[in-house]
């Protein structure tokens, strides 16, 4: 299986490349006042508004550094209704891939209660890489705020 590798600080992380729709350069976003922590704003992606999460802000409490290697990843985020929605992820140094069997990743032996999206790890020549589970990325309150069902005109 192919994984897209990115960094949070000096640590490397991997996303299932099958969940990635497109990799874009970081671009201007519409900011959302009082948005939940980690929400960088909204992107107009092919005519549709797509919420964007800054992975560094979410995990490290600081915004991603704007470098040539910082990318905006459009991923398929599974919603409660079962229909995947587009979600943008700002990720630093998102320029590498890793081809590995998912079974090669092993439990790290540590559970991070504030980051349930962090999964098993694997070691390669450059060190450890930890998988990120996109489905577990957003706490329920943030998921509901970003992907709520619009009210019908009659209900307003």
C-alpha atoms as a PDB file:
ATOM      1  CA  UNK A   1       0.000   0.000   0.000  1.00  0.00           C
ATOM      2  CA  UNK A   2       1.182   3.509  -0.751  1.00  0.00           C
ATOM      3  CA  UNK A   3       1.374   6.114   2.010  1.00  0.00           C
ATOM      4  CA  UNK A   4       1.937   9.866   1.770  1.00  0.00           C
ATOM      5  CA  UNK A   5       4.521  10.951   4.351  1.00  0.00           C
ATOM      6  CA  UNK A   6       4.551  14.363   6.051  1.00  0.00           C
ATOM      7  CA  UNK A   7       6.033  15.902   9.171  1.00  0.00           C
ATOM      8  CA  UNK A   8       4.757  17.437  12.374  1.00  0.00           C
ATOM      9  CA  UNK A   9       7.778  19.142  13.882  1.00  0.00           C
ATOM     10  CA  UNK A  10      10.635  16.668  13.439  1.00  0.00           C
ATOM     11  CA  UNK A  11       8.440  13.555  13.501  1.00  0.00           C
ATOM     12  CA  UNK A  12       7.170  11.774  10.382  1.00  0.00           C
ATOM     13  CA  UNK A  13       3.611  10.602   9.810  1.00  0.00           C
ATOM     14  CA  UNK A  14       1.864   8.664   7.040  1.00  0.00           C
ATOM     15  CA  UNK A  15      -1.582   8.829   5.466  1.00  0.00           C
ATOM     16  CA  UNK A  16      -3.081   6.124   3.279  1.00  0.00           C
ATOM     17  CA  UNK A  17      -2.560   7.623  -0.200  1.00  0.00           C
ATOM     18  CA  UNK A  18      -5.866   6.044  -1.251  1.00  0.00           C
ATOM     19  CA  UNK A  19      -7.633   8.630   0.919  1.00  0.00           C
ATOM     20  CA  UNK A  20      -5.822  11.529  -0.766  1.00  0.00           C
ATOM     21  CA  UNK A  21      -7.760  13.106  -3.622  1.00  0.00           C
ATOM     22  CA  UNK A  22      -5.224  15.786  -4.546  1.00  0.00           C
ATOM     23  CA  UNK A  23      -2.041  17.422  -3.277  1.00  0.00           C
ATOM     24  CA  UNK A  24      -1.954  21.201  -3.749  1.00  0.00           C
ATOM     25  CA  UNK A  25       0.351  24.032  -2.765  1.00  0.00           C
ATOM     26  CA  UNK A  26      -0.867  25.925   0.282  1.00  0.00           C
ATOM     27  CA  UNK A  27      -3.146  28.726  -0.824  1.00  0.00           C
ATOM     28  CA  UNK A  28      -5.172  31.535   0.672  1.00  0.00           C
ATOM     29  CA  UNK A  29      -8.071  30.391   2.829  1.00  0.00           C
ATOM     30  CA  UNK A  30     -11.195  32.121   4.065  1.00  0.00           C
ATOM     31  CA  UNK A  31     -10.708  32.402   7.813  1.00  0.00           C
ATOM     32  CA  UNK A  32     -13.593  31.465  10.077  1.00  0.00           C
ATOM     33  CA  UNK A  33     -13.794  33.576  13.246  1.00  0.00           C
ATOM     34  CA  UNK A  34     -14.025  31.499  16.438  1.00  0.00           C
ATOM     35  CA  UNK A  35     -13.536  28.234  14.545  1.00  0.00           C
ATOM     36  CA  UNK A  36     -12.552  25.172  16.586  1.00  0.00           C
ATOM     37  CA  UNK A  37      -8.844  24.685  17.357  1.00  0.00           C
ATOM     38  CA  UNK A  38      -6.925  23.418  14.348  1.00  0.00           C
ATOM     39  CA  UNK A  39      -9.403  24.716  11.765  1.00  0.00           C
ATOM     40  CA  UNK A  40      -7.374  26.955   9.437  1.00  0.00           C
ATOM     41  CA  UNK A  41     -10.335  28.093   7.345  1.00  0.00           C
ATOM     42  CA  UNK A  42     -12.260  27.202   4.222  1.00  0.00           C
ATOM     43  CA  UNK A  43     -10.971  26.598   0.700  1.00  0.00           C
ATOM     44  CA  UNK A  44     -12.919  26.996  -2.527  1.00  0.00           C
ATOM     45  CA  UNK A  45     -12.115  23.616  -4.078  1.00  0.00           C
ATOM     46  CA  UNK A  46     -13.616  23.204  -7.539  1.00  0.00           C
ATOM     47  CA  UNK A  47     -16.543  25.445  -6.649  1.00  0.00           C
ATOM     48  CA  UNK A  48     -17.276  23.789  -3.290  1.00  0.00           C
ATOM     49  CA  UNK A  49     -16.340  25.081   0.171  1.00  0.00           C
ATOM     50  CA  UNK A  50     -13.978  22.642   1.893  1.00  0.00           C
ATOM     51  CA  UNK A  51     -12.933  23.005   5.545  1.00  0.00           C
ATOM     52  CA  UNK A  52      -9.173  22.925   6.124  1.00  0.00           C
ATOM     53  CA  UNK A  53      -7.357  21.609   9.199  1.00  0.00           C
ATOM     54  CA  UNK A  54      -3.807  22.729   9.989  1.00  0.00           C
ATOM     55  CA  UNK A  55      -2.184  19.503  11.173  1.00  0.00           C
ATOM     56  CA  UNK A  56       0.584  21.371  13.026  1.00  0.00           C
ATOM     57  CA  UNK A  57      -1.939  23.569  14.824  1.00  0.00           C
ATOM     58  CA  UNK A  58      -4.034  20.534  15.727  1.00  0.00           C
ATOM     59  CA  UNK A  59      -1.141  18.406  16.999  1.00  0.00           C
ATOM     60  CA  UNK A  60       1.512  20.879  18.126  1.00  0.00           C
ATOM     61  CA  UNK A  61      -0.434  24.033  18.918  1.00  0.00           C
ATOM     62  CA  UNK A  62       1.374  26.123  16.303  1.00  0.00           C
ATOM     63  CA  UNK A  63       0.555  26.856  12.654  1.00  0.00           C
ATOM     64  CA  UNK A  64       2.381  24.976   9.906  1.00  0.00           C
ATOM     65  CA  UNK A  65       5.431  26.747   8.559  1.00  0.00           C
ATOM     66  CA  UNK A  66       4.823  28.082   5.067  1.00  0.00           C
ATOM     67  CA  UNK A  67       7.577  26.454   3.035  1.00  0.00           C
ATOM     68  CA  UNK A  68       7.785  25.073  -0.488  1.00  0.00           C
ATOM     69  CA  UNK A  69       7.308  21.576   0.972  1.00  0.00           C
ATOM     70  CA  UNK A  70       4.175  22.490   2.957  1.00  0.00           C
ATOM     71  CA  UNK A  71       1.165  21.164   1.087  1.00  0.00           C
ATOM     72  CA  UNK A  72      -2.600  21.230   1.209  1.00  0.00           C
ATOM     73  CA  UNK A  73      -3.891  17.665   1.030  1.00  0.00           C
ATOM     74  CA  UNK A  74      -7.472  17.125  -0.052  1.00  0.00           C
ATOM     75  CA  UNK A  75      -8.640  13.887   1.569  1.00  0.00           C
ATOM     76  CA  UNK A  76     -11.861  11.876   1.712  1.00  0.00           C
ATOM     77  CA  UNK A  77     -13.240  12.252   5.220  1.00  0.00           C
ATOM     78  CA  UNK A  78     -15.868   9.653   6.195  1.00  0.00           C
ATOM     79  CA  UNK A  79     -18.911  11.335   7.741  1.00  0.00           C
ATOM     80  CA  UNK A  80     -21.486   9.862  10.099  1.00  0.00           C
ATOM     81  CA  UNK A  81     -23.960   9.625   7.210  1.00  0.00           C
ATOM     82  CA  UNK A  82     -21.540   7.378   5.349  1.00  0.00           C
ATOM     83  CA  UNK A  83     -20.969   9.774   2.454  1.00  0.00           C
ATOM     84  CA  UNK A  84     -17.300  10.874   2.347  1.00  0.00           C
ATOM     85  CA  UNK A  85     -16.693  14.623   2.244  1.00  0.00           C
ATOM     86  CA  UNK A  86     -13.664  16.585   1.123  1.00  0.00           C
ATOM     87  CA  UNK A  87     -11.420  17.837   3.921  1.00  0.00           C
ATOM     88  CA  UNK A  88      -8.244  19.854   3.491  1.00  0.00           C
ATOM     89  CA  UNK A  89      -5.160  19.139   5.596  1.00  0.00           C
ATOM     90  CA  UNK A  90      -2.188  21.502   5.754  1.00  0.00           C
ATOM     91  CA  UNK A  91       0.896  19.332   6.239  1.00  0.00           C
ATOM     92  CA  UNK A  92       4.581  20.231   6.419  1.00  0.00           C
ATOM     93  CA  UNK A  93       7.132  18.456   4.234  1.00  0.00           C
ATOM     94  CA  UNK A  94       4.435  16.441   2.454  1.00  0.00           C
ATOM     95  CA  UNK A  95       6.671  15.430  -0.429  1.00  0.00           C
ATOM     96  CA  UNK A  96       7.530  11.766   0.200  1.00  0.00           C
ATOM     97  CA  UNK A  97       5.748   8.464  -0.182  1.00  0.00           C
ATOM     98  CA  UNK A  98       6.287   5.096   1.444  1.00  0.00           C
ATOM     99  CA  UNK A  99       5.300   1.727  -0.028  1.00  0.00           C
ATOM    100  CA  UNK A 100       4.618  -0.743   2.793  1.00  0.00           C
ATOM    101  CA  UNK A 101       2.218  -3.469   3.804  1.00  0.00           C
ATOM    102  CA  UNK A 102      -0.206  -2.063   6.419  1.00  0.00           C
ATOM    103  CA  UNK A 103       0.491  -5.170   8.528  1.00  0.00           C
ATOM    104  CA  UNK A 104       4.123  -3.995   8.888  1.00  0.00           C
ATOM    105  CA  UNK A 105       2.965  -1.147  11.150  1.00  0.00           C
ATOM    106  CA  UNK A 106       2.969  -2.115  14.852  1.00  0.00           C
ATOM    107  CA  UNK A 107       1.348  -0.747  17.991  1.00  0.00           C
ATOM    108  CA  UNK A 108       3.666   1.871  19.548  1.00  0.00           C
ATOM    109  CA  UNK A 109       2.664   0.823  23.057  1.00  0.00           C
ATOM    110  CA  UNK A 110       1.549   4.345  23.999  1.00  0.00           C
ATOM    111  CA  UNK A 111      -1.943   5.769  23.693  1.00  0.00           C
ATOM    112  CA  UNK A 112      -2.383   9.512  23.292  1.00  0.00           C
ATOM    113  CA  UNK A 113      -5.817  10.368  24.672  1.00  0.00           C
ATOM    114  CA  UNK A 114      -5.800  13.758  22.972  1.00  0.00           C
ATOM    115  CA  UNK A 115      -4.816  12.340  19.595  1.00  0.00           C
ATOM    116  CA  UNK A 116      -6.836   9.185  18.895  1.00  0.00           C
ATOM    117  CA  UNK A 117      -6.020   9.616  15.188  1.00  0.00           C
ATOM    118  CA  UNK A 118      -2.431   8.455  15.810  1.00  0.00           C
ATOM    119  CA  UNK A 119      -1.985   4.802  14.964  1.00  0.00           C
ATOM    120  CA  UNK A 120       0.720   2.177  14.633  1.00  0.00           C
ATOM    121  CA  UNK A 121       4.353   2.853  13.689  1.00  0.00           C
ATOM    122  CA  UNK A 122       6.960   1.500  11.327  1.00  0.00           C
ATOM    123  CA  UNK A 123      10.710   2.039  11.154  1.00  0.00           C
ATOM    124  CA  UNK A 124      12.646   2.701   7.964  1.00  0.00           C
ATOM    125  CA  UNK A 125      16.178   3.945   7.219  1.00  0.00           C
ATOM    126  CA  UNK A 126      15.227   7.494   8.332  1.00  0.00           C
ATOM    127  CA  UNK A 127      13.533   6.505  11.596  1.00  0.00           C
ATOM    128  CA  UNK A 128       9.986   5.957  12.768  1.00  0.00           C
ATOM    129  CA  UNK A 129       6.823   6.844  10.879  1.00  0.00           C
ATOM    130  CA  UNK A 130       3.402   6.847  12.552  1.00  0.00           C
ATOM    131  CA  UNK A 131       0.135   6.299  10.705  1.00  0.00           C
ATOM    132  CA  UNK A 132      -2.635   8.870  10.894  1.00  0.00           C
ATOM    133  CA  UNK A 133      -6.213   7.617  10.683  1.00  0.00           C
ATOM    134  CA  UNK A 134      -8.188  10.296   8.808  1.00  0.00           C
ATOM    135  CA  UNK A 135     -11.490   8.875  10.096  1.00  0.00           C
ATOM    136  CA  UNK A 136     -10.404   9.593  13.696  1.00  0.00           C
ATOM    137  CA  UNK A 137      -8.810  12.974  12.978  1.00  0.00           C
ATOM    138  CA  UNK A 138     -11.652  15.194  14.159  1.00  0.00           C
ATOM    139  CA  UNK A 139     -13.319  15.084  17.560  1.00  0.00           C
ATOM    140  CA  UNK A 140     -17.100  14.671  17.251  1.00  0.00           C
ATOM    141  CA  UNK A 141     -17.766  18.314  18.149  1.00  0.00           C
ATOM    142  CA  UNK A 142     -15.436  19.577  15.386  1.00  0.00           C
ATOM    143  CA  UNK A 143     -16.738  17.040  12.862  1.00  0.00           C
ATOM    144  CA  UNK A 144     -20.307  18.109  13.584  1.00  0.00           C
ATOM    145  CA  UNK A 145     -19.395  21.807  13.271  1.00  0.00           C
ATOM    146  CA  UNK A 146     -17.657  21.291   9.923  1.00  0.00           C
ATOM    147  CA  UNK A 147     -19.990  18.776   8.300  1.00  0.00           C
ATOM    148  CA  UNK A 148     -23.413  19.552   9.685  1.00  0.00           C
ATOM    149  CA  UNK A 149     -26.369  18.947   7.402  1.00  0.00           C
ATOM    150  CA  UNK A 150     -27.719  22.256   6.098  1.00  0.00           C
ATOM    151  CA  UNK A 151     -31.218  23.067   7.278  1.00  0.00           C
ATOM    152  CA  UNK A 152     -33.893  22.884   4.650  1.00  0.00           C
ATOM    153  CA  UNK A 153     -35.575  26.128   3.601  1.00  0.00           C
ATOM    154  CA  UNK A 154     -38.842  24.985   5.259  1.00  0.00           C
ATOM    155  CA  UNK A 155     -37.126  24.457   8.621  1.00  0.00           C
ATOM    156  CA  UNK A 156     -35.759  28.014   8.754  1.00  0.00           C
END
